[in-house]
Amino acid sequence: MIAPSPPFGEHALPERPEAMASTRIVTSDEADTTPASTDAVAEADAPRKLSHPRGLSDNVFRVGAHGGGVLVLAIMTLVGMFLAVRGAQAIAVAGPSFFTEQDWEPNSGRFGIAAVLFGTVAIALIAISVALPLAIGTATYISEYAPDGLRRMLIGTVDLMAAIPSVVYGLWGFFWLEGNVIPVAQWISTYLGWIPIFAVPQFDPGDPLATPTVFTASAFLAGLVVAMMVAPIAASIMREVFSQAPVGEREGALALGSSKWGMIRNVVYPFGFGGIVGGTMLGLGRALGETIAVYIVISPIFVINWHVLSTGTNSISSLVALRYGEASEFELSGLMAAGLVLFLITMAVNFLAGIIIQRSRSGAAS
């Protein structure tokens, strides 16, 4: 007689109670909490250390790069320390009035940089106000609109303009720009004279005999000359950054129905914001420290002139160029102190530009 088969789902093997009692199923939660599994998971999640053998060329490049960076920082630090040590005597004698006094008479004990500092900032702001639209327009046309053949020629021309010596710009401003900018300054003073900085008290628009010489050698003229020097440098940087805008985003904007200008405004300019800021700040640093071109076109005065269209202004760099040759030992200390202030302002501008560029998209990408 055939024995009946066991029910479906039951094992045919004989049961071993002692084996079943000693066997316990470990759940996944309990397995994860065991020390061995925790160490294994942590070991798997830890980043692997990538190592590669460095050859002679890698070591030479590494040492050269680190050495170059350290050398630049060391030179800048030594320049600042040299100016601080040489200018300490004048700063100690003048005290806080060094930043509020307008006259420059170190031998009589009355000297300060208030007037020249104001002129420096005024000339730099005028230069940037004029150069920034020119640089953005030039960079936009070269990178987005110019044909290939014309683009190559314009790139070379702009780069060549950035390499022209400053004395050439100064002579150009003195002999050509000054005579041609006087009518522009007269028009601004006539119709915008209600704005205090554009007013010229010595000029009466209703007087037919009013002399136009009150508009010569002004901060406005110096700012225009410096703007022509700054614009090519800023345009070169902006053009390089604009050309690196992602092609996919350009084509995506156009595919969604955007116009050429809409694509530039919503894709190229946001991507190139770091280049715009970097070029502007680099140009501002150049404008703050420009010496020869400003020295040629201005008429130095030691009083704060709020009227940028009228004759007379000054700058720290022009003061140093004007007084260095005949300065006494104490006056030379004062000039060094003025140079230290200009050095710190330029460094602050560059550090601010670096922070802004690092926070922007193009700065992070580059």
Protein backbone atom coordinates (compact mmCIF):
# COMPACT_ATOMS: atom_id res chain seq x y z
CA MET A 1 0.00 0.00 0.00
CA ILE A 2 1.40 3.33 -1.06
CA ALA A 3 1.96 5.82 1.74
CA PRO A 4 0.19 9.18 1.27
CA SER A 5 2.33 12.07 0.13
CA PRO A 6 2.81 14.98 2.51
CA PRO A 7 0.60 18.00 2.05
CA PHE A 8 1.66 20.67 -0.43
CA GLY A 9 4.13 23.16 1.07
CA GLU A 10 5.49 20.82 3.76
CA HIS A 11 8.98 19.36 3.64
CA ALA A 12 9.39 15.65 3.21
CA LEU A 13 12.61 15.60 5.26
CA PRO A 14 12.33 14.55 8.87
CA GLU A 15 12.17 17.28 11.37
CA ARG A 16 15.21 17.94 13.60
CA PRO A 17 14.04 19.84 16.64
CA GLU A 18 17.56 20.40 17.97
CA ALA A 19 18.65 22.05 14.67
CA MET A 20 15.62 24.26 14.46
CA ALA A 21 16.08 25.39 18.02
CA SER A 22 19.69 26.44 17.45
CA THR A 23 19.00 28.34 14.21
CA ARG A 24 17.77 31.96 14.34
CA ILE A 25 17.06 34.15 11.33
CA VAL A 26 18.85 37.50 11.55
CA THR A 27 16.76 40.33 10.15
CA SER A 28 18.21 43.10 7.96
CA ASP A 29 17.79 45.71 10.69
CA GLU A 30 19.78 43.62 13.13
CA ALA A 31 22.45 42.95 10.51
CA ASP A 32 22.87 46.65 9.85
CA THR A 33 23.40 47.41 13.51
CA THR A 34 26.20 44.94 14.02
CA PRO A 35 29.68 46.49 14.37
CA ALA A 36 31.14 44.57 11.44
CA SER A 37 28.44 45.68 9.00
CA THR A 38 28.65 49.30 10.21
CA ASP A 39 32.37 49.38 9.60
CA ALA A 40 31.90 47.85 6.16
CA VAL A 41 29.30 50.44 5.15
CA ALA A 42 31.46 53.32 6.41
CA GLU A 43 34.42 51.88 4.58
CA ALA A 44 32.40 51.66 1.36
CA ASP A 45 31.10 55.25 1.68
CA ALA A 46 34.53 56.77 2.39
CA PRO A 47 36.09 58.52 -0.63
CA ARG A 48 38.92 56.65 -2.23
CA LYS A 49 42.33 58.22 -2.21
CA LEU A 50 43.61 58.67 -5.73
CA SER A 51 47.35 58.58 -6.04
CA HIS A 52 49.49 58.86 -9.10
CA PRO A 53 53.24 59.03 -9.45
CA ARG A 54 54.60 62.53 -10.14
CA GLY A 55 57.32 62.84 -12.68
CA LEU A 56 60.06 65.41 -12.88
CA SER A 57 58.01 67.78 -15.05
CA ASP A 58 55.07 67.65 -12.59
CA ASN A 59 57.31 68.47 -9.66
CA VAL A 60 58.98 71.33 -11.54
CA PHE A 61 55.61 72.80 -12.51
CA ARG A 62 54.26 72.43 -8.98
CA VAL A 63 57.26 74.15 -7.42
CA GLY A 64 57.20 76.88 -10.06
CA ALA A 65 53.48 77.56 -9.59
CA HIS A 66 53.70 77.68 -5.79
CA GLY A 67 56.87 79.74 -5.94
CA GLY A 68 55.34 82.23 -8.37
CA GLY A 69 52.28 82.75 -6.19
CA VAL A 70 54.32 83.16 -3.04
CA LEU A 71 56.70 85.53 -4.82
CA VAL A 72 53.86 87.79 -5.99
CA LEU A 73 52.37 87.96 -2.50
CA ALA A 74 55.79 88.63 -1.01
CA ILE A 75 56.49 91.47 -3.44
CA MET A 76 53.11 93.09 -2.76
CA THR A 77 53.66 92.79 0.98
CA LEU A 78 57.13 94.31 0.71
CA VAL A 79 55.80 97.21 -1.39
CA GLY A 80 53.14 97.95 1.23
CA MET A 81 55.66 97.71 4.06
CA PHE A 82 58.10 99.99 2.23
CA LEU A 83 55.44 102.67 1.71
CA ALA A 84 54.26 102.34 5.31
CA VAL A 85 57.76 102.67 6.75
CA ARG A 86 58.72 105.60 4.52
CA GLY A 87 55.41 107.40 5.10
CA ALA A 88 55.18 106.80 8.85
CA GLN A 89 56.95 110.07 9.69
CA ALA A 90 54.51 112.23 7.71
CA ILE A 91 51.46 110.37 9.01
CA ALA A 92 52.70 110.74 12.59
CA VAL A 93 53.16 114.50 12.18
CA ALA A 94 49.89 115.15 10.29
CA GLY A 95 47.70 112.76 12.26
CA PRO A 96 44.05 112.42 11.20
CA SER A 97 44.25 115.75 9.34
CA PHE A 98 46.26 113.93 6.67
CA PHE A 99 42.90 112.72 5.30
CA THR A 100 40.97 115.97 5.78
CA GLU A 101 43.46 118.73 4.90
CA GLN A 102 43.31 120.03 1.31
CA ASP A 103 46.54 122.05 1.15
CA TRP A 104 49.87 120.44 0.35
CA GLU A 105 52.58 122.38 2.16
CA PRO A 106 54.61 119.80 4.12
CA ASN A 107 57.41 122.22 4.97
CA SER A 108 54.95 124.53 6.76
CA GLY A 109 53.16 121.69 8.51
CA ARG A 110 49.86 121.97 6.58
CA PHE A 111 49.43 119.08 4.22
CA GLY A 112 46.87 116.41 3.45
CA ILE A 113 45.41 114.36 0.62
CA ALA A 114 41.73 115.34 0.80
CA ALA A 115 41.81 117.31 -2.47
CA VAL A 116 43.96 114.87 -4.44
CA LEU A 117 42.02 111.88 -3.12
CA PHE A 118 38.75 113.45 -4.23
CA GLY A 119 40.21 114.20 -7.65
CA THR A 120 41.50 110.63 -7.98
CA VAL A 121 38.10 109.13 -7.23
CA ALA A 122 36.28 111.65 -9.45
CA ILE A 123 38.50 110.97 -12.47
CA ALA A 124 38.22 107.20 -11.97
CA LEU A 125 34.42 107.28 -11.69
CA ILE A 126 34.08 109.44 -14.80
CA ALA A 127 36.39 107.10 -16.69
CA ILE A 128 34.45 103.99 -15.64
CA SER A 129 31.08 105.61 -16.39
CA VAL A 130 32.21 106.25 -19.97
CA ALA A 131 34.31 103.12 -20.49
CA LEU A 132 31.81 100.55 -19.19
CA PRO A 133 29.11 101.05 -21.88
CA LEU A 134 31.80 101.26 -24.58
CA ALA A 135 33.45 98.04 -23.39
CA ILE A 136 30.18 96.10 -23.12
CA GLY A 137 29.01 97.27 -26.54
CA THR A 138 32.36 96.50 -28.17
CA ALA A 139 32.61 93.06 -26.58
CA THR A 140 29.01 92.22 -27.51
CA TYR A 141 29.45 93.22 -31.13
CA ILE A 142 32.74 91.34 -31.54
CA SER A 143 31.53 88.11 -29.90
CA GLU A 144 27.93 88.02 -31.18
CA TYR A 145 27.43 90.10 -34.33
CA ALA A 146 30.70 90.68 -36.20
CA PRO A 147 31.49 88.41 -39.20
CA ASP A 148 34.45 86.08 -38.83
CA GLY A 149 36.89 88.12 -40.90
CA LEU A 150 35.93 91.40 -39.26
CA ARG A 151 35.96 89.76 -35.83
CA ARG A 152 39.61 88.80 -36.12
CA MET A 153 40.56 92.30 -37.21
CA LEU A 154 38.59 93.93 -34.38
CA ILE A 155 40.13 91.62 -31.77
CA GLY A 156 43.61 92.61 -32.90
CA THR A 157 42.68 96.29 -33.00
CA VAL A 158 41.24 96.30 -29.48
CA ASP A 159 44.23 94.41 -28.09
CA LEU A 160 46.55 96.86 -29.83
CA MET A 161 44.72 99.82 -28.30
CA ALA A 162 45.23 98.30 -24.85
CA ALA A 163 48.99 98.23 -25.49
CA ILE A 164 49.35 101.91 -26.48
CA PRO A 165 51.50 103.82 -23.92
CA SER A 166 49.67 106.19 -21.62
CA VAL A 167 51.79 109.17 -22.68
CA VAL A 168 50.35 108.83 -26.20
CA TYR A 169 46.82 109.05 -24.82
CA GLY A 170 47.84 112.06 -22.76
CA LEU A 171 49.24 113.91 -25.78
CA TRP A 172 46.15 113.00 -27.80
CA GLY A 173 43.91 114.36 -25.05
CA PHE A 174 45.91 117.57 -24.68
CA PHE A 175 46.27 118.48 -28.37
CA TRP A 176 43.05 117.12 -29.91
CA LEU A 177 40.42 116.02 -27.39
CA GLU A 178 40.51 119.14 -25.22
CA GLY A 179 39.51 121.51 -28.05
CA ASN A 180 36.77 119.19 -29.29
CA VAL A 181 35.28 118.39 -25.89
CA ILE A 182 34.73 122.02 -24.87
CA PRO A 183 31.41 122.32 -26.83
CA VAL A 184 30.20 119.12 -25.18
CA ALA A 185 31.10 120.45 -21.74
CA GLN A 186 29.32 123.74 -22.53
CA TRP A 187 26.17 121.89 -23.58
CA ILE A 188 26.20 119.76 -20.43
CA SER A 189 26.71 122.82 -18.23
CA THR A 190 23.95 124.76 -20.03
CA TYR A 191 21.22 122.13 -19.90
CA LEU A 192 22.29 120.03 -16.91
CA GLY A 193 23.80 122.78 -14.80
CA TRP A 194 21.00 122.37 -12.26
CA ILE A 195 22.87 119.25 -11.15
CA PRO A 196 25.60 120.54 -8.79
CA ILE A 197 28.48 118.51 -10.24
CA PHE A 198 27.74 119.78 -13.78
CA ALA A 199 27.45 123.43 -12.79
CA VAL A 200 30.27 125.85 -13.72
CA PRO A 201 29.94 129.06 -11.66
CA GLN A 202 32.42 130.97 -13.86
CA PHE A 203 30.35 130.32 -17.00
CA ASP A 204 27.14 132.20 -17.92
CA PRO A 205 25.28 130.55 -20.81
CA GLY A 206 23.41 133.81 -21.56
CA ASP A 207 26.61 135.86 -21.93
CA PRO A 208 27.85 135.81 -25.55
CA LEU A 209 31.28 136.94 -24.36
CA ALA A 210 31.69 134.11 -21.86
CA THR A 211 35.08 132.49 -22.31
CA PRO A 212 35.19 128.71 -22.90
CA THR A 213 38.58 128.40 -21.22
CA VAL A 214 36.84 127.60 -17.93
CA PHE A 215 36.20 124.12 -19.34
CA THR A 216 39.82 123.25 -20.09
CA ALA A 217 42.03 120.94 -17.99
CA SER A 218 39.06 119.60 -16.06
CA ALA A 219 38.32 116.31 -14.32
CA PHE A 220 35.85 115.59 -17.12
CA LEU A 221 38.61 115.81 -19.73
CA ALA A 222 40.96 113.65 -17.67
CA GLY A 223 38.20 111.10 -17.15
CA LEU A 224 37.56 110.86 -20.90
CA VAL A 225 41.26 110.32 -21.61
CA VAL A 226 41.50 107.60 -18.99
CA ALA A 227 38.27 106.04 -20.30
CA MET A 228 39.87 105.59 -23.72
CA MET A 229 42.72 103.75 -21.99
CA VAL A 230 40.46 101.59 -19.82
CA ALA A 231 37.82 100.59 -22.41
CA PRO A 232 40.08 98.31 -24.54
CA ILE A 233 41.29 96.38 -21.47
CA ALA A 234 37.75 95.84 -20.16
CA ALA A 235 36.44 94.98 -23.64
CA SER A 236 39.09 92.29 -24.15
CA ILE A 237 38.18 90.56 -20.89
CA MET A 238 34.42 90.78 -21.51
CA ARG A 239 34.72 89.55 -25.09
CA GLU A 240 36.69 86.50 -23.98
CA VAL A 241 34.09 85.60 -21.35
CA PHE A 242 31.09 86.25 -23.63
CA SER A 243 32.51 83.88 -26.24
CA GLN A 244 32.55 81.04 -23.67
CA ALA A 245 28.79 81.14 -23.04
CA PRO A 246 27.40 77.57 -23.45
CA VAL A 247 26.24 76.81 -26.98
CA GLY A 248 23.46 74.58 -25.68
CA GLU A 249 21.89 77.39 -23.69
CA ARG A 250 22.22 79.77 -26.65
CA GLU A 251 20.46 77.33 -28.95
CA GLY A 252 17.87 76.49 -26.29
CA ALA A 253 16.92 80.15 -25.90
CA LEU A 254 16.62 80.59 -29.67
CA ALA A 255 14.62 77.36 -29.99
CA LEU A 256 12.13 78.64 -27.43
CA GLY A 257 11.47 81.67 -29.63
CA SER A 258 13.85 84.21 -28.14
CA SER A 259 15.30 86.92 -30.35
CA LYS A 260 19.03 87.40 -30.79
CA TRP A 261 19.04 90.28 -28.29
CA GLY A 262 16.86 88.30 -25.88
CA MET A 263 19.32 85.41 -26.00
CA ILE A 264 22.23 87.77 -25.32
CA ARG A 265 20.40 89.45 -22.46
CA ASN A 266 19.25 86.22 -20.78
CA VAL A 267 22.13 83.86 -21.54
CA VAL A 268 25.33 85.66 -22.50
CA TYR A 269 25.20 88.54 -20.03
CA PRO A 270 24.30 86.43 -16.97
CA PHE A 271 27.04 83.96 -17.85
CA GLY A 272 29.53 86.78 -18.44
CA PHE A 273 28.67 88.74 -15.30
CA GLY A 274 31.99 87.79 -13.74
CA GLY A 275 33.84 89.02 -16.82
CA ILE A 276 31.94 92.31 -16.75
CA VAL A 277 32.80 92.85 -13.09
CA GLY A 278 36.39 91.72 -13.54
CA GLY A 279 36.98 93.95 -16.55
CA THR A 280 35.34 96.92 -14.84
CA MET A 281 37.33 96.53 -11.64
CA LEU A 282 40.57 96.01 -13.53
CA GLY A 283 39.85 99.17 -15.48
CA LEU A 284 38.99 101.01 -12.26
CA GLY A 285 42.33 99.98 -10.78
CA ARG A 286 44.07 101.29 -13.90
CA ALA A 287 42.09 104.54 -13.72
CA LEU A 288 42.91 105.10 -10.05
CA GLY A 289 46.65 104.76 -10.62
CA GLU A 290 47.02 106.48 -13.99
CA THR A 291 49.76 109.11 -13.83
CA ILE A 292 51.24 110.49 -17.05
CA ALA A 293 48.06 110.92 -19.09
CA VAL A 294 46.29 112.67 -16.22
CA TYR A 295 49.33 114.79 -15.41
CA ILE A 296 49.48 116.05 -19.02
CA VAL A 297 45.84 117.14 -19.37
CA ILE A 298 44.96 118.57 -15.93
CA SER A 299 45.68 121.86 -14.21
CA PRO A 300 46.77 120.83 -10.67
CA ILE A 301 44.97 122.52 -7.77
CA PHE A 302 44.88 121.69 -4.07
CA VAL A 303 41.24 122.29 -3.33
CA ILE A 304 38.22 120.01 -3.62
CA ASN A 305 36.52 120.96 -6.90
CA TRP A 306 32.99 119.57 -6.96
CA HIS A 307 32.39 120.97 -10.46
CA VAL A 308 33.90 118.30 -12.69
CA LEU A 309 33.46 120.37 -15.88
CA SER A 310 35.43 123.40 -14.69
CA THR A 311 39.18 123.92 -14.83
CA GLY A 312 41.31 122.36 -12.13
CA THR A 313 41.64 118.98 -10.48
CA ASN A 314 44.36 116.71 -9.13
CA SER A 315 45.14 113.10 -8.31
CA ILE A 316 47.49 111.22 -5.99
CA SER A 317 49.61 109.85 -8.81
CA SER A 318 49.89 113.29 -10.43
CA LEU A 319 50.88 114.78 -7.08
CA VAL A 320 53.72 112.30 -6.77
CA ALA A 321 54.89 113.00 -10.33
CA LEU A 322 54.65 116.76 -9.77
CA ARG A 323 56.48 117.02 -6.46
CA TYR A 324 58.86 114.07 -6.37
CA GLY A 325 61.77 115.73 -8.19
CA GLU A 326 62.04 118.73 -5.83
CA ALA A 327 60.71 117.18 -2.61
CA SER A 328 62.54 117.50 0.69
CA GLU A 329 63.07 114.49 2.93
CA PHE A 330 59.91 115.21 4.92
CA GLU A 331 57.81 115.96 1.84
CA LEU A 332 59.05 112.72 0.30
CA SER A 333 57.68 110.93 3.35
CA GLY A 334 54.33 112.61 2.73
CA LEU A 335 54.36 111.46 -0.88
CA MET A 336 55.07 107.92 0.27
CA ALA A 337 52.12 108.12 2.65
CA ALA A 338 49.89 109.32 -0.20
CA GLY A 339 51.14 106.42 -2.32
CA LEU A 340 50.31 104.03 0.51
CA VAL A 341 46.69 105.26 0.54
CA LEU A 342 46.43 104.75 -3.22
CA PHE A 343 47.99 101.29 -2.86
CA LEU A 344 45.44 100.26 -0.23
CA ILE A 345 42.51 101.60 -2.27
CA THR A 346 43.64 99.68 -5.35
CA MET A 347 44.10 96.50 -3.33
CA ALA A 348 40.62 96.86 -1.83
CA VAL A 349 39.11 97.29 -5.30
CA ASN A 350 40.88 94.19 -6.60
CA PHE A 351 39.88 92.06 -3.60
CA LEU A 352 36.26 93.19 -3.97
CA ALA A 353 36.37 92.27 -7.65
CA GLY A 354 37.76 88.83 -6.79
CA ILE A 355 34.96 88.17 -4.30
CA ILE A 356 32.28 89.19 -6.79
CA ILE A 357 33.79 87.10 -9.57
CA GLN A 358 33.99 84.00 -7.35
CA ARG A 359 30.29 84.33 -6.55
CA SER A 360 29.30 84.69 -10.20
CA ARG A 361 28.70 81.93 -12.69
CA SER A 362 31.44 82.75 -15.17
CA GLY A 363 33.97 83.29 -12.43
CA ALA A 364 33.23 79.86 -10.97
CA ALA A 365 33.44 78.24 -14.39
CA SER A 366 36.77 79.82 -15.20
